[in-house]
Amino acid sequence: MLAMTLDEAGAPLRAIERALPKPGSGQVLIRVRACGVCRTDLHVVDGELPQPKLPLIPGHEIVGTVEAVGPNAERLRIGDRVGVPWLGWTCGVCEFCRSGRENLCDRARFTGYQLDGGYAEYAVADERFCFAIPPGFDDRAAAPLMCAGLIGYRALRMAGDARRLGLYGFGAAAHIAIQIARHRGQEVFAFTKPGDAKGQAFAGSLGAVWAGGSDTLPPEPLDAAIIFAPVGALVPMALAATVKGGMVVCAGIHMSDIPRFPYRLLWEERVVRSVANLTRKDGEEFLTIAPRANLRTTTVPFPLFQANEALAQLRDGRFEGAAVLLP
């Protein structure tokens, strides 16, 4: 099969031919039909997430069909259409796993980071961490749901039932989260890079009641805000935009350092919290809600061998929505 591999952090991916992987116990072999390109992939490739498996096939927004099942794999069948997310394996026995918080498992392993991912024609995955794809989404449209959608949904859950919700950073995750929020009847205020008129227009087309630069305050105070951009300086800015008792959710797996800020921004029972990974329950809930919300993803296709170009365009913010690799 063709695979795009990372040999060294900071280096371009390399296209290689390698043998098809064989599914082990409890695993399935998946023919990859589409794989989303996530900002977390950039963090891995650029060396901002430490100690990836090397050499590594990145990619954790996989959609494909089951081609073979390994020993003790009983949940899936050949021909099933599935998605594979960032959370690729957990121990199942620690206190976090047993209490429904498997996203915090100390031994967790992640697709496209410690496990080979979907920048390839085939991938293997633990069948426990594969999701059935709703029939209303084709492969390309479904790929961003596996991380941008799932993390966005978990961040929305953490933000509570805010009536006025701010989204800082309007990329792949936000363009999905806004649709779920609007389905729930929330008012969404979108924050983009200062001067990004195109991004602000995109947010408006998806139902934002206001869109402006992240360096400005919204016209009304927010009940909660979600920060998708990996920029720590946005935390005090989001706190300044929220009401008393407001919530600021940091949704990225990586973020630059949060600068020092005055206590008065946090006072009056404002809360800052992070989102770590996802649970299978998140996935099941989100993939049930997505069709009901008539959710649509905006995608930009790239052939698999152009993975480096897709990453470069994501790094430079040159497209709306999500890039998707098509083997």
Protein backbone atom coordinates (compact mmCIF):
# COMPACT_ATOMS: atom_id res chain seq x y z
CA MET A 1 0.00 0.00 0.00
CA LEU A 2 0.94 3.65 -0.36
CA ALA A 3 1.53 5.43 2.96
CA MET A 4 2.71 8.91 3.93
CA THR A 5 5.15 8.53 6.81
CA LEU A 6 6.79 10.85 9.30
CA ASP A 7 10.40 9.83 9.93
CA GLU A 8 11.48 12.83 12.01
CA ALA A 9 9.58 15.65 13.69
CA GLY A 10 9.70 18.77 11.58
CA ALA A 11 10.49 16.91 8.38
CA PRO A 12 8.10 16.55 5.42
CA LEU A 13 6.12 13.34 5.17
CA ARG A 14 7.59 10.72 2.86
CA ALA A 15 5.57 8.61 0.42
CA ILE A 16 6.51 4.94 0.68
CA GLU A 17 5.23 1.55 -0.41
CA ARG A 18 4.83 -0.85 2.49
CA ALA A 19 3.15 -4.16 3.21
CA LEU A 20 -0.48 -4.14 4.29
CA PRO A 21 -0.76 -4.29 8.09
CA LYS A 22 -2.37 -7.38 9.56
CA PRO A 23 -5.11 -6.99 12.17
CA GLY A 24 -4.20 -8.38 15.58
CA SER A 25 -6.47 -9.61 18.33
CA GLY A 26 -9.59 -7.47 18.51
CA GLN A 27 -8.52 -5.40 15.52
CA VAL A 28 -9.87 -4.85 12.03
CA LEU A 29 -8.16 -3.96 8.76
CA ILE A 30 -9.78 -0.92 7.16
CA ARG A 31 -9.50 0.21 3.57
CA VAL A 32 -9.21 3.97 3.97
CA ARG A 33 -11.67 5.88 1.80
CA ALA A 34 -10.96 9.30 3.32
CA CYS A 35 -8.86 10.78 6.11
CA GLY A 36 -9.29 14.28 7.46
CA VAL A 37 -6.31 16.56 8.05
CA CYS A 38 -6.51 17.90 11.59
CA ARG A 39 -4.56 20.65 13.33
CA THR A 40 -3.41 17.99 15.80
CA ASP A 41 -1.65 16.32 12.84
CA LEU A 42 0.28 19.57 12.46
CA HIS A 43 1.23 19.49 16.15
CA VAL A 44 2.53 15.93 15.70
CA VAL A 45 4.38 16.61 12.44
CA ASP A 46 5.88 19.87 13.71
CA GLY A 47 7.14 18.23 16.93
CA GLU A 48 4.85 20.15 19.29
CA LEU A 49 3.48 16.89 20.73
CA PRO A 50 6.35 14.90 22.27
CA GLN A 51 7.52 11.38 21.55
CA PRO A 52 5.37 10.19 18.66
CA LYS A 53 5.90 6.67 17.38
CA LEU A 54 8.50 6.96 14.62
CA PRO A 55 8.31 6.20 11.81
CA LEU A 56 4.63 7.13 11.95
CA ILE A 57 1.66 7.23 9.60
CA PRO A 58 -0.30 10.29 10.82
CA GLY A 59 -4.05 10.82 10.56
CA HIS A 60 -6.89 10.23 13.00
CA GLU A 61 -10.03 11.19 11.09
CA ILE A 62 -10.38 7.92 9.21
CA VAL A 63 -13.41 6.71 7.27
CA GLY A 64 -13.32 3.41 5.43
CA THR A 65 -14.63 -0.11 5.05
CA VAL A 66 -13.64 -3.20 7.01
CA GLU A 67 -11.59 -5.52 4.78
CA ALA A 68 -10.54 -8.15 7.32
CA VAL A 69 -11.08 -8.97 10.99
CA GLY A 70 -8.47 -10.25 13.40
CA PRO A 71 -8.80 -12.95 16.07
CA ASN A 72 -11.37 -12.18 18.79
CA ALA A 73 -12.88 -9.33 16.75
CA GLU A 74 -16.60 -9.97 17.05
CA ARG A 75 -18.27 -6.56 16.83
CA LEU A 76 -17.59 -5.67 13.18
CA ARG A 77 -17.96 -7.53 9.90
CA ILE A 78 -16.25 -7.32 6.52
CA GLY A 79 -17.88 -4.55 4.51
CA ASP A 80 -18.93 -2.44 7.51
CA ARG A 81 -18.37 1.29 7.02
CA VAL A 82 -16.63 2.79 10.04
CA GLY A 83 -14.82 5.82 11.35
CA VAL A 84 -11.70 5.82 13.51
CA PRO A 85 -11.05 8.73 15.92
CA TRP A 86 -8.07 10.10 17.88
CA LEU A 87 -8.65 7.84 20.90
CA GLY A 88 -7.46 4.49 19.59
CA TRP A 89 -7.04 2.29 22.68
CA THR A 90 -7.52 2.37 26.45
CA CYS A 91 -6.77 -0.17 29.16
CA GLY A 92 -10.40 -0.59 30.26
CA VAL A 93 -9.45 -1.39 33.87
CA CYS A 94 -8.11 1.82 35.48
CA GLU A 95 -10.29 4.09 37.63
CA PHE A 96 -10.80 6.48 34.73
CA CYS A 97 -11.92 3.78 32.32
CA ARG A 98 -14.20 2.17 34.91
CA SER A 99 -15.86 5.51 35.74
CA GLY A 100 -16.67 6.46 32.14
CA ARG A 101 -13.68 8.79 31.83
CA GLU A 102 -11.63 6.68 29.44
CA ASN A 103 -10.42 9.88 27.77
CA LEU A 104 -8.17 10.33 30.83
CA CYS A 105 -6.71 6.79 30.85
CA ASP A 106 -3.00 7.01 31.68
CA ARG A 107 -2.23 4.18 29.25
CA ALA A 108 -4.36 5.51 26.39
CA ARG A 109 -2.91 5.33 22.89
CA PHE A 110 -3.85 7.69 20.10
CA THR A 111 -4.39 7.17 16.39
CA GLY A 112 -1.84 8.90 14.20
CA TYR A 113 0.42 9.55 17.20
CA GLN A 114 1.27 6.35 19.07
CA LEU A 115 -0.63 4.18 16.58
CA ASP A 116 -0.32 4.34 12.80
CA GLY A 117 -3.17 6.33 11.33
CA GLY A 118 -5.00 7.00 8.10
CA TYR A 119 -2.58 8.80 5.76
CA ALA A 120 -2.43 5.51 3.89
CA GLU A 121 -4.52 3.20 1.74
CA TYR A 122 -5.14 0.81 4.65
CA ALA A 123 -5.08 1.04 8.45
CA VAL A 124 -5.69 -1.26 11.41
CA ALA A 125 -7.78 -0.22 14.39
CA ASP A 126 -9.15 -1.65 17.63
CA GLU A 127 -12.75 -2.49 16.78
CA ARG A 128 -13.87 -1.16 20.20
CA PHE A 129 -12.90 2.34 19.06
CA CYS A 130 -14.56 2.30 15.64
CA PHE A 131 -17.84 4.12 15.05
CA ALA A 132 -20.60 3.33 12.56
CA ILE A 133 -20.94 6.22 10.09
CA PRO A 134 -24.45 7.64 9.60
CA PRO A 135 -25.66 6.87 6.06
CA GLY A 136 -26.39 10.51 5.23
CA PHE A 137 -22.66 11.36 5.07
CA ASP A 138 -20.39 10.28 2.25
CA ASP A 139 -16.81 9.33 3.06
CA ARG A 140 -15.33 12.75 2.40
CA ALA A 141 -18.02 14.57 4.39
CA ALA A 142 -17.77 12.11 7.29
CA ALA A 143 -14.00 12.29 7.83
CA PRO A 144 -13.95 15.63 9.76
CA LEU A 145 -16.64 14.29 12.10
CA MET A 146 -14.08 11.91 13.62
CA CYS A 147 -12.14 14.65 15.41
CA ALA A 148 -13.25 18.18 14.52
CA GLY A 149 -16.82 17.06 15.11
CA LEU A 150 -16.19 14.90 18.17
CA ILE A 151 -13.94 17.36 19.99
CA GLY A 152 -16.29 20.19 19.09
CA TYR A 153 -19.21 18.23 20.52
CA ARG A 154 -17.37 17.43 23.76
CA ALA A 155 -16.38 21.09 24.08
CA LEU A 156 -20.03 22.08 23.63
CA ARG A 157 -21.00 19.67 26.39
CA MET A 158 -18.40 21.21 28.70
CA ALA A 159 -19.66 24.71 27.89
CA GLY A 160 -23.11 23.79 29.24
CA ASP A 161 -26.38 25.36 28.13
CA ALA A 162 -24.99 28.81 27.38
CA ARG A 163 -27.45 30.98 25.47
CA ARG A 164 -24.70 33.23 24.07
CA LEU A 165 -21.70 31.16 23.00
CA GLY A 166 -18.40 32.42 21.65
CA LEU A 167 -16.19 30.33 19.34
CA TYR A 168 -12.58 31.49 19.12
CA GLY A 169 -10.83 30.19 16.00
CA PHE A 170 -13.17 29.37 13.14
CA GLY A 171 -11.63 26.31 11.53
CA ALA A 172 -12.77 22.73 11.04
CA ALA A 173 -14.04 22.16 14.59
CA ALA A 174 -15.87 25.46 14.90
CA HIS A 175 -17.62 25.12 11.54
CA ILE A 176 -19.17 21.88 12.84
CA ALA A 177 -19.77 23.05 16.42
CA ILE A 178 -21.70 26.12 15.27
CA GLN A 179 -24.20 23.90 13.45
CA ILE A 180 -24.82 21.77 16.55
CA ALA A 181 -25.09 24.91 18.71
CA ARG A 182 -27.59 26.49 16.33
CA HIS A 183 -29.59 23.24 16.32
CA ARG A 184 -29.74 23.57 20.12
CA GLY A 185 -31.03 27.14 19.83
CA GLN A 186 -27.84 28.89 20.98
CA GLU A 187 -26.64 32.25 19.70
CA VAL A 188 -23.10 31.95 18.38
CA PHE A 189 -20.50 34.72 18.26
CA ALA A 190 -17.53 33.85 16.04
CA PHE A 191 -14.00 35.14 16.57
CA THR A 192 -11.41 34.87 13.80
CA LYS A 193 -7.95 36.24 13.21
CA PRO A 194 -8.14 40.04 13.13
CA GLY A 195 -8.98 41.24 9.65
CA ASP A 196 -10.12 37.85 8.37
CA ALA A 197 -13.19 39.09 6.49
CA LYS A 198 -13.49 35.83 4.54
CA GLY A 199 -13.53 33.72 7.70
CA GLN A 200 -16.05 36.05 9.32
CA ALA A 201 -18.31 35.80 6.27
CA PHE A 202 -18.02 32.00 6.43
CA ALA A 203 -19.09 32.05 10.08
CA GLY A 204 -22.02 34.29 9.19
CA SER A 205 -23.11 31.91 6.44
CA LEU A 206 -23.34 29.15 9.07
CA GLY A 207 -25.53 31.17 11.40
CA ALA A 208 -23.25 33.26 13.60
CA VAL A 209 -25.18 36.27 14.93
CA TRP A 210 -21.90 38.23 15.00
CA ALA A 211 -18.39 37.65 13.68
CA GLY A 212 -15.30 39.71 14.37
CA GLY A 213 -11.62 39.63 15.22
CA SER A 214 -10.39 37.80 18.30
CA ASP A 215 -8.88 41.07 19.50
CA THR A 216 -12.33 42.65 19.98
CA LEU A 217 -15.13 42.22 22.49
CA PRO A 218 -18.50 40.92 21.29
CA PRO A 219 -21.51 43.25 21.24
CA GLU A 220 -23.03 41.29 24.13
CA PRO A 221 -21.30 39.46 27.01
CA LEU A 222 -20.97 35.69 26.51
CA ASP A 223 -22.33 33.00 28.80
CA ALA A 224 -19.54 30.67 27.65
CA ALA A 225 -16.70 30.56 25.15
CA ILE A 226 -14.82 27.74 23.44
CA ILE A 227 -11.25 28.30 22.29
CA PHE A 228 -10.34 26.13 19.30
CA ALA A 229 -7.29 28.13 18.24
CA PRO A 230 -4.05 26.92 19.94
CA VAL A 231 -3.32 30.43 21.26
CA GLY A 232 -2.97 30.83 25.02
CA ALA A 233 -3.37 34.60 24.80
CA LEU A 234 -7.02 34.05 23.91
CA VAL A 235 -7.82 32.74 27.41
CA PRO A 236 -7.77 36.13 29.21
CA MET A 237 -9.49 37.71 26.21
CA ALA A 238 -12.30 35.16 26.38
CA LEU A 239 -12.59 35.61 30.15
CA ALA A 240 -13.00 39.35 29.63
CA ALA A 241 -15.86 38.63 27.21
CA THR A 242 -17.86 36.38 29.57
CA VAL A 243 -20.45 37.19 32.21
CA LYS A 244 -20.19 36.38 35.89
CA GLY A 245 -20.15 32.62 36.34
CA GLY A 246 -19.16 32.17 32.69
CA MET A 247 -17.22 29.22 31.31
CA VAL A 248 -14.17 29.26 29.05
CA VAL A 249 -13.36 25.89 27.47
CA CYS A 250 -9.93 25.24 25.95
CA ALA A 251 -10.59 22.60 23.28
CA GLY A 252 -7.16 22.07 21.73
CA ILE A 253 -4.80 19.23 22.63
CA HIS A 254 -1.94 21.74 22.36
CA MET A 255 -1.90 25.43 23.21
CA SER A 256 0.78 28.06 23.59
CA ASP A 257 1.39 29.27 27.14
CA ILE A 258 -1.34 31.32 28.77
CA PRO A 259 0.04 34.76 29.67
CA ARG A 260 -0.26 36.25 33.13
CA PHE A 261 -3.59 38.02 33.62
CA PRO A 262 -5.25 39.90 36.49
CA TYR A 263 -7.33 37.89 38.92
CA ARG A 264 -10.33 40.16 38.32
CA LEU A 265 -10.84 38.41 34.95
CA LEU A 266 -11.30 35.07 36.69
CA TRP A 267 -13.14 36.40 39.73
CA GLU A 268 -16.95 36.28 40.02
CA GLU A 269 -16.91 32.52 39.59
CA ARG A 270 -15.74 32.36 36.01
CA VAL A 271 -14.28 28.97 35.11
CA VAL A 272 -11.47 27.89 32.76
CA ARG A 273 -11.31 24.21 31.85
CA SER A 274 -9.72 22.00 29.22
CA VAL A 275 -11.09 19.25 27.01
CA ALA A 276 -8.97 16.11 26.84
CA ASN A 277 -9.59 13.73 23.95
CA LEU A 278 -13.03 12.10 23.75
CA THR A 279 -14.98 9.08 24.95
CA ARG A 280 -16.89 6.52 22.93
CA LYS A 281 -20.05 7.86 24.51
CA ASP A 282 -19.26 11.27 23.01
CA GLY A 283 -18.94 9.64 19.61
CA GLU A 284 -22.18 7.71 19.85
CA GLU A 285 -24.12 10.78 20.99
CA PHE A 286 -22.61 13.08 18.40
CA LEU A 287 -23.15 10.72 15.46
CA THR A 288 -26.79 10.39 16.51
CA ILE A 289 -27.29 14.16 16.71
CA ALA A 290 -25.39 15.07 13.51
CA PRO A 291 -28.06 13.83 11.06
CA ARG A 292 -30.86 15.38 13.14
CA ALA A 293 -29.06 18.73 13.00
CA ASN A 294 -28.76 18.38 9.20
CA LEU A 295 -25.05 18.92 9.73
CA ARG A 296 -22.93 19.56 6.64
CA THR A 297 -19.15 19.69 6.50
CA THR A 298 -17.18 21.97 4.20
CA THR A 299 -14.22 20.01 2.85
CA VAL A 300 -11.27 20.56 0.52
CA PRO A 301 -10.06 17.31 -1.12
CA PHE A 302 -6.42 16.38 -1.70
CA PRO A 303 -5.00 13.17 -3.14
CA LEU A 304 -3.12 11.15 -0.53
CA PHE A 305 0.28 11.88 -2.02
CA GLN A 306 -0.34 15.63 -1.52
CA ALA A 307 -0.55 15.31 2.28
CA ASN A 308 2.35 17.74 2.74
CA GLU A 309 0.53 20.38 0.67
CA ALA A 310 -2.67 19.86 2.68
CA LEU A 311 -0.73 20.35 5.92
CA ALA A 312 0.98 23.46 4.56
CA GLN A 313 -2.33 25.01 3.51
CA LEU A 314 -3.81 24.20 6.92
CA ARG A 315 -0.81 25.79 8.64
CA ASP A 316 -1.30 28.96 6.59
CA GLY A 317 -5.09 29.02 6.98
CA ARG A 318 -5.68 28.93 3.23
CA PHE A 319 -9.06 27.18 3.16
CA GLU A 320 -12.39 27.10 4.93
CA GLY A 321 -13.63 23.98 6.69
CA ALA A 322 -11.46 20.86 6.64
CA ALA A 323 -8.92 19.28 4.29
CA VAL A 324 -9.52 15.62 3.48
CA LEU A 325 -7.04 13.16 1.94
CA LEU A 326 -8.51 10.73 -0.57
CA PRO A 327 -6.38 7.61 -1.21
